[in-house]
Amino acid sequence: MDYLEVTDSVSSNLASIPSNYSRLIARILGLRMQDLPQLLKTTELTTEQFLQENTQLTAQQQISILHNALALSDDIAFGLKVGQQLTPLTHGSLGFLVNSSSNLLMAFKAIQTFTPIILNFSKVKLVENNGWLECYYSINIDVDEEIHRSLSEASIMTFLSFGKYILGRELFEAQISFAHAEPNYSELYLEFMPCQFEFSAPQVMLKLPMSVCLIPNVSANNKNYLLALRQCEMMLSQLRSEKGSWEQQIQKLILSRPPGVLCEDEAAAALFISKRTLARKLKQEDTGFRQIREKILSQQAAGYLRDSHISIDSIAALLNYHDSANFRRAFKRWFQMTPNQYRQNHKGE
């Protein structure tokens, strides 16, 4: 039995869960604007904050929204319905990374490593066992049985969705285990899952033959993979660093967008403060918006030069420099050498 690398999750007390999942829940419920306070009960979120694209939730806020959603829904298969709507693109940089992976094994390794950036109270562990890949899903905080069942259903549906995208077909070979007892709507599982499943298992798990996991992804794209990998690595690194500083909040905002896109006005608006207030708070931490932005861009640029053979013009485009000459000037300012010189000096690292 070969245990693959397992990565610890980040603190569940940190507001890092994308709010787009909860807005999707609101759409599935068919809620109108005036109905949103019912979904947000006990979260201390205003409707305005909830509708902001960059609002992020704590684990407790996310669980409260799920509780409220289940109370508002009259659909016994709500968890399955939510999972069905969680397409790969719903998951931002992680979805982009998975879609670009060379095969399902690499995709599930990405899910294992970077699940904390989208759901900080969940964990995925991979075990390679006698020709099978076992993908275990667990929740790191106490939740009631109904919430656990709904999260398990939605997560397994997400695994199946990623698999369908990469293989271009359903995962007929999969074997699924749920930890909850068989629900009274279990016949509906047949409509959502094209494979074998069981209930009352020791752990939540999706199991696949390794031969299926190694089938090449015809949509694999190495440039996109490296771009998304760099984004996910930096997001995870920031989540594990200092908690609550203004610098860390700006880093998270920058990393949640394509490279070089976020401006200072948009960052201030996302944090519900003025641009002047943001500048003052960052100055108190001996930094500034431009300094943070350039630090991230320089780290991403250096990573591409060290870890890939992508052309310098392509790296400039990936970092949203419309003129590669501007990128080269910026790079020389950051590292006191040209991109070509940096690549040559760090070859083989």
Protein backbone atom coordinates (compact mmCIF):
# COMPACT_ATOMS: atom_id res chain seq x y z
CA MET A 1 0.00 0.00 0.00
CA ASP A 2 1.51 3.33 -1.09
CA TYR A 3 0.37 6.44 0.82
CA LEU A 4 0.54 9.50 -1.39
CA GLU A 5 1.44 12.91 0.00
CA VAL A 6 -1.23 14.38 2.29
CA THR A 7 -1.37 18.11 2.96
CA ASP A 8 -2.71 19.59 6.22
CA SER A 9 -5.67 21.95 5.92
CA VAL A 10 -5.62 25.60 6.92
CA SER A 11 -7.45 27.03 9.92
CA SER A 12 -11.23 26.74 9.64
CA ASN A 13 -11.51 30.04 11.54
CA LEU A 14 -10.13 31.98 8.58
CA ALA A 15 -12.56 33.65 6.18
CA SER A 16 -11.29 31.97 3.01
CA ILE A 17 -14.24 30.04 1.54
CA PRO A 18 -15.40 31.60 -1.77
CA SER A 19 -18.95 32.96 -1.44
CA ASN A 20 -19.85 31.89 -4.98
CA TYR A 21 -20.82 28.44 -3.63
CA SER A 22 -23.43 30.03 -1.39
CA ARG A 23 -24.72 32.28 -4.19
CA LEU A 24 -25.12 29.10 -6.26
CA ILE A 25 -27.17 27.64 -3.39
CA ALA A 26 -29.36 30.77 -3.44
CA ARG A 27 -29.97 30.31 -7.17
CA ILE A 28 -30.83 26.62 -6.75
CA LEU A 29 -33.34 27.60 -4.07
CA GLY A 30 -34.80 30.23 -6.40
CA LEU A 31 -34.37 32.95 -3.78
CA ARG A 32 -35.14 36.58 -4.59
CA MET A 33 -33.22 39.53 -3.18
CA GLN A 34 -35.71 40.00 -0.35
CA ASP A 35 -35.34 36.32 0.59
CA LEU A 36 -31.56 36.38 1.12
CA PRO A 37 -31.68 37.43 4.81
CA GLN A 38 -33.30 34.03 5.52
CA LEU A 39 -30.31 32.29 3.95
CA LEU A 40 -27.87 34.50 5.88
CA LYS A 41 -29.39 34.10 9.36
CA THR A 42 -26.73 33.89 12.13
CA THR A 43 -23.87 34.63 9.67
CA GLU A 44 -23.69 38.39 10.44
CA LEU A 45 -23.38 38.96 6.69
CA THR A 46 -25.40 41.68 4.99
CA THR A 47 -27.05 41.06 1.64
CA GLU A 48 -24.65 43.58 0.09
CA GLN A 49 -21.61 41.71 1.41
CA PHE A 50 -23.04 38.37 0.30
CA LEU A 51 -23.49 39.60 -3.26
CA GLN A 52 -19.91 40.89 -3.51
CA GLU A 53 -17.85 38.57 -5.72
CA ASN A 54 -14.80 38.75 -3.44
CA THR A 55 -16.56 38.13 -0.12
CA GLN A 56 -15.11 35.07 1.63
CA LEU A 57 -16.72 33.04 4.41
CA THR A 58 -15.55 31.31 7.56
CA ALA A 59 -16.36 27.65 8.07
CA GLN A 60 -19.07 28.55 10.58
CA GLN A 61 -20.70 31.00 8.17
CA GLN A 62 -20.69 28.38 5.41
CA ILE A 63 -22.21 25.74 7.70
CA SER A 64 -24.87 28.22 8.85
CA ILE A 65 -25.81 28.95 5.24
CA LEU A 66 -26.09 25.21 4.57
CA HIS A 67 -28.32 24.80 7.64
CA ASN A 68 -30.53 27.63 6.47
CA ALA A 69 -30.63 26.31 2.91
CA LEU A 70 -31.74 22.85 4.04
CA ALA A 71 -34.48 24.46 6.15
CA LEU A 72 -35.65 26.53 3.15
CA SER A 73 -35.48 23.65 0.67
CA ASP A 74 -38.26 21.14 0.21
CA ASP A 75 -35.99 18.93 -1.94
CA ILE A 76 -34.91 15.78 -0.14
CA ALA A 77 -31.98 15.37 -2.56
CA PHE A 78 -30.69 18.93 -2.06
CA GLY A 79 -27.06 17.89 -1.52
CA LEU A 80 -27.07 15.89 -4.75
CA LYS A 81 -28.66 18.79 -6.65
CA VAL A 82 -26.03 21.23 -5.37
CA GLY A 83 -23.24 18.81 -6.29
CA GLN A 84 -24.68 18.42 -9.78
CA GLN A 85 -24.34 22.19 -10.30
CA LEU A 86 -20.71 22.30 -9.11
CA THR A 87 -18.99 22.22 -12.48
CA PRO A 88 -15.17 22.36 -12.58
CA LEU A 89 -15.22 26.06 -13.43
CA THR A 90 -17.16 26.75 -10.20
CA HIS A 91 -13.96 26.05 -8.27
CA GLY A 92 -11.86 28.87 -9.75
CA SER A 93 -8.10 28.30 -9.94
CA LEU A 94 -8.42 24.76 -8.54
CA GLY A 95 -10.96 23.83 -11.21
CA PHE A 96 -8.69 25.32 -13.88
CA LEU A 97 -5.76 23.29 -12.51
CA VAL A 98 -7.74 20.03 -12.45
CA ASN A 99 -9.11 20.54 -15.97
CA SER A 100 -5.57 21.13 -17.28
CA SER A 101 -4.04 18.08 -15.54
CA SER A 102 -2.47 15.36 -17.63
CA ASN A 103 -4.71 12.62 -16.19
CA LEU A 104 -7.08 11.83 -13.33
CA LEU A 105 -4.26 10.86 -10.96
CA MET A 106 -2.69 14.30 -11.31
CA ALA A 107 -6.13 15.88 -11.02
CA PHE A 108 -6.89 14.12 -7.73
CA LYS A 109 -3.43 15.00 -6.40
CA ALA A 110 -4.28 18.64 -7.10
CA ILE A 111 -7.60 18.24 -5.29
CA GLN A 112 -5.85 16.63 -2.32
CA THR A 113 -3.31 19.43 -2.02
CA PHE A 114 -5.47 22.46 -2.71
CA THR A 115 -8.91 21.63 -1.28
CA PRO A 116 -8.15 24.01 1.66
CA ILE A 117 -8.22 27.05 -0.65
CA ILE A 118 -11.88 26.42 -1.49
CA LEU A 119 -13.21 24.63 1.62
CA ASN A 120 -10.95 25.01 4.63
CA PHE A 121 -12.81 22.52 6.83
CA SER A 122 -12.62 19.66 4.31
CA LYS A 123 -9.78 17.28 3.56
CA VAL A 124 -9.06 14.84 0.74
CA LYS A 125 -6.58 11.99 1.20
CA LEU A 126 -5.35 9.67 -1.56
CA VAL A 127 -4.25 6.09 -1.03
CA GLU A 128 -2.89 3.86 -3.80
CA ASN A 129 -3.89 0.30 -2.93
CA ASN A 130 -3.44 -2.82 -5.08
CA GLY A 131 -4.08 -1.17 -8.42
CA TRP A 132 -6.79 1.18 -7.13
CA LEU A 133 -6.78 4.85 -6.22
CA GLU A 134 -8.87 5.53 -3.10
CA CYS A 135 -9.97 9.15 -2.59
CA TYR A 136 -11.14 9.76 0.98
CA TYR A 137 -13.19 12.82 1.90
CA SER A 138 -13.47 14.04 5.49
CA ILE A 139 -14.72 17.10 7.41
CA ASN A 140 -12.50 18.61 10.11
CA ILE A 141 -15.20 20.30 12.20
CA ASP A 142 -18.25 19.00 14.04
CA VAL A 143 -21.42 19.09 11.92
CA ASP A 144 -24.75 17.36 12.31
CA GLU A 145 -25.77 14.30 10.33
CA GLU A 146 -27.82 16.19 7.76
CA ILE A 147 -25.02 18.63 6.98
CA HIS A 148 -22.46 15.81 6.78
CA ARG A 149 -24.67 13.88 4.36
CA SER A 150 -25.23 16.93 2.13
CA LEU A 151 -21.53 17.84 2.06
CA SER A 152 -20.58 14.23 1.29
CA GLU A 153 -23.08 14.06 -1.56
CA ALA A 154 -21.95 17.36 -3.05
CA SER A 155 -18.26 16.46 -2.77
CA ILE A 156 -18.63 13.05 -4.40
CA MET A 157 -20.64 14.68 -7.20
CA THR A 158 -17.75 17.14 -7.63
CA PHE A 159 -15.25 14.25 -7.96
CA LEU A 160 -17.48 12.64 -10.59
CA SER A 161 -17.78 15.94 -12.47
CA PHE A 162 -14.01 16.38 -12.63
CA GLY A 163 -13.65 12.79 -13.82
CA LYS A 164 -16.25 13.22 -16.53
CA TYR A 165 -14.49 16.33 -17.85
CA ILE A 166 -11.08 14.65 -18.01
CA LEU A 167 -12.23 11.32 -19.49
CA GLY A 168 -14.97 12.80 -21.65
CA ARG A 169 -17.40 10.22 -20.25
CA GLU A 170 -18.99 9.09 -16.99
CA LEU A 171 -16.89 7.25 -14.38
CA PHE A 172 -18.68 3.92 -14.73
CA GLU A 173 -15.78 2.10 -13.03
CA ALA A 174 -16.00 4.15 -9.84
CA GLN A 175 -17.01 2.63 -6.50
CA ILE A 176 -18.45 5.07 -3.97
CA SER A 177 -18.80 4.67 -0.20
CA PHE A 178 -20.87 6.98 2.00
CA ALA A 179 -20.53 7.09 5.78
CA HIS A 180 -24.19 7.98 6.36
CA ALA A 181 -26.97 5.43 6.63
CA GLU A 182 -29.04 4.74 3.54
CA PRO A 183 -31.51 7.66 3.21
CA ASN A 184 -35.16 7.18 2.34
CA TYR A 185 -34.49 8.76 -1.07
CA SER A 186 -31.60 6.40 -1.95
CA GLU A 187 -33.24 5.40 -5.25
CA LEU A 188 -32.50 8.95 -6.47
CA TYR A 189 -28.77 8.23 -6.25
CA LEU A 190 -29.21 6.12 -9.39
CA GLU A 191 -30.16 9.27 -11.29
CA PHE A 192 -27.01 11.12 -10.23
CA MET A 193 -24.30 8.45 -10.08
CA PRO A 194 -23.43 6.12 -12.98
CA CYS A 195 -21.57 3.64 -10.78
CA GLN A 196 -21.71 1.41 -7.70
CA PHE A 197 -22.34 3.00 -4.28
CA GLU A 198 -22.88 1.84 -0.72
CA PHE A 199 -23.96 3.37 2.62
CA SER A 200 -22.90 3.08 6.28
CA ALA A 201 -19.24 2.72 5.28
CA PRO A 202 -16.40 3.64 7.68
CA GLN A 203 -15.43 6.66 5.55
CA VAL A 204 -16.59 8.66 2.54
CA MET A 205 -14.58 7.43 -0.44
CA LEU A 206 -14.45 7.30 -4.22
CA LYS A 207 -12.41 4.40 -5.60
CA LEU A 208 -11.08 4.08 -9.15
CA PRO A 209 -8.82 1.61 -11.00
CA MET A 210 -5.37 3.13 -11.47
CA SER A 211 -5.57 2.19 -15.15
CA VAL A 212 -8.47 4.64 -15.51
CA CYS A 213 -6.61 7.30 -13.51
CA LEU A 214 -3.70 7.16 -15.99
CA ILE A 215 -5.77 7.65 -19.15
CA PRO A 216 -4.43 10.84 -20.79
CA ASN A 217 -6.59 13.95 -20.58
CA VAL A 218 -7.16 15.03 -24.19
CA SER A 219 -7.82 18.58 -22.92
CA ALA A 220 -4.57 18.77 -20.91
CA ASN A 221 -2.74 22.06 -21.38
CA ASN A 222 0.69 22.45 -19.83
CA LYS A 223 0.73 26.26 -19.98
CA ASN A 224 -2.67 26.49 -18.31
CA TYR A 225 -1.63 23.85 -15.77
CA LEU A 226 1.49 25.78 -14.75
CA LEU A 227 -0.44 29.04 -14.53
CA ALA A 228 -3.13 27.51 -12.34
CA LEU A 229 -0.60 25.58 -10.25
CA ARG A 230 1.30 28.76 -9.46
CA GLN A 231 -1.93 30.51 -8.49
CA CYS A 232 -3.03 27.65 -6.22
CA GLU A 233 0.38 27.34 -4.58
CA MET A 234 0.49 31.01 -3.74
CA MET A 235 -3.09 31.06 -2.47
CA LEU A 236 -2.38 28.10 -0.18
CA SER A 237 0.87 29.67 1.02
CA GLN A 238 -0.89 32.89 1.93
CA LEU A 239 -3.68 31.05 3.75
CA ARG A 240 -1.05 29.40 5.95
CA SER A 241 0.84 32.61 6.65
CA GLU A 242 0.00 35.44 9.03
CA LYS A 243 -3.74 35.69 9.72
CA GLY A 244 -5.80 38.84 9.38
CA SER A 245 -3.20 41.41 8.24
CA TRP A 246 -4.23 43.87 5.55
CA GLU A 247 -1.32 42.70 3.43
CA GLN A 248 -2.57 39.12 3.61
CA GLN A 249 -6.10 40.20 2.63
CA ILE A 250 -4.76 42.06 -0.41
CA GLN A 251 -2.64 39.06 -1.39
CA LYS A 252 -5.72 36.82 -1.26
CA LEU A 253 -7.68 39.26 -3.41
CA ILE A 254 -4.90 39.53 -5.99
CA LEU A 255 -4.51 35.75 -6.16
CA SER A 256 -8.25 35.24 -6.60
CA ARG A 257 -8.06 37.08 -9.95
CA PRO A 258 -6.03 36.53 -13.11
CA PRO A 259 -2.46 37.87 -12.66
CA GLY A 260 -2.05 41.64 -12.83
CA VAL A 261 -5.78 42.40 -13.17
CA LEU A 262 -6.84 43.72 -9.75
CA CYS A 263 -6.41 47.48 -9.22
CA GLU A 264 -6.20 49.34 -5.92
CA ASP A 265 -9.68 50.89 -6.27
CA GLU A 266 -11.26 47.44 -6.78
CA ALA A 267 -9.32 45.99 -3.83
CA ALA A 268 -10.51 48.76 -1.51
CA ALA A 269 -14.11 48.32 -2.68
CA ALA A 270 -13.92 44.56 -2.08
CA LEU A 271 -12.81 45.25 1.51
CA PHE A 272 -15.57 47.87 2.00
CA ILE A 273 -13.11 50.68 2.70
CA SER A 274 -11.87 53.70 0.76
CA LYS A 275 -8.69 53.66 -1.28
CA ARG A 276 -7.16 56.21 1.09
CA THR A 277 -7.99 54.08 4.14
CA LEU A 278 -6.50 51.00 2.49
CA ALA A 279 -3.29 52.90 1.70
CA ARG A 280 -3.05 54.08 5.31
CA LYS A 281 -3.56 50.59 6.74
CA LEU A 282 -0.98 49.08 4.41
CA LYS A 283 1.48 51.86 5.27
CA GLN A 284 1.09 50.92 8.95
CA GLU A 285 2.33 47.45 7.93
CA ASP A 286 5.27 49.00 6.01
CA THR A 287 3.94 48.04 2.61
CA GLY A 288 1.65 49.27 -0.16
CA PHE A 289 -0.68 47.91 -2.83
CA ARG A 290 1.82 48.24 -5.68
CA GLN A 291 4.57 46.66 -3.59
CA ILE A 292 2.35 43.63 -2.78
CA ARG A 293 1.18 43.31 -6.38
CA GLU A 294 4.73 43.42 -7.77
CA LYS A 295 6.00 40.94 -5.20
CA ILE A 296 3.37 38.42 -6.33
CA LEU A 297 4.02 39.07 -10.04
CA SER A 298 7.79 38.71 -9.54
CA GLN A 299 7.34 35.40 -7.70
CA GLN A 300 5.06 34.09 -10.44
CA ALA A 301 7.44 35.22 -13.18
CA ALA A 302 10.44 33.62 -11.47
CA GLY A 303 8.51 30.39 -11.00
CA TYR A 304 7.61 30.14 -14.68
CA LEU A 305 11.22 30.79 -15.72
CA ARG A 306 12.59 28.15 -13.31
CA ASP A 307 9.96 25.46 -13.71
CA SER A 308 8.92 25.57 -17.36
CA HIS A 309 10.15 26.08 -20.90
CA ILE A 310 7.43 28.61 -21.71
CA SER A 311 8.74 31.46 -23.83
CA ILE A 312 9.29 34.84 -22.22
CA ASP A 313 6.65 36.41 -24.46
CA SER A 314 4.15 33.76 -23.29
CA ILE A 315 5.02 34.38 -19.63
CA ALA A 316 4.46 38.09 -20.17
CA ALA A 317 1.04 37.32 -21.65
CA LEU A 318 0.17 34.95 -18.78
CA LEU A 319 0.94 37.75 -16.32
CA ASN A 320 -1.23 40.17 -18.31
CA TYR A 321 1.57 42.31 -19.71
CA HIS A 322 0.25 43.40 -23.09
CA ASP A 323 3.76 44.37 -24.18
CA SER A 324 6.55 41.90 -23.43
CA ALA A 325 9.03 44.79 -23.39
CA ASN A 326 7.25 46.19 -20.33
CA PHE A 327 7.50 42.80 -18.66
CA ARG A 328 11.24 42.59 -19.39
CA ARG A 329 11.80 46.06 -17.90
CA ALA A 330 9.78 45.17 -14.81
CA PHE A 331 11.66 41.88 -14.40
CA LYS A 332 15.04 43.63 -14.60
CA ARG A 333 13.86 46.08 -11.93
CA TRP A 334 12.84 43.17 -9.66
CA PHE A 335 15.92 40.95 -10.10
CA GLN A 336 18.60 43.22 -11.62
CA MET A 337 18.91 40.85 -14.56
CA THR A 338 16.95 39.98 -17.68
CA PRO A 339 14.48 37.05 -17.80
CA ASN A 340 16.91 35.15 -20.07
CA GLN A 341 19.76 35.63 -17.60
CA TYR A 342 17.55 34.52 -14.70
CA ARG A 343 16.47 31.37 -16.54
CA GLN A 344 20.08 30.54 -17.41
CA ASN A 345 21.27 31.10 -13.83
CA HIS A 346 18.52 28.94 -12.31
CA LYS A 347 18.49 26.12 -14.86
CA GLY A 348 18.08 22.73 -13.18
CA GLU A 349 16.98 24.03 -9.78
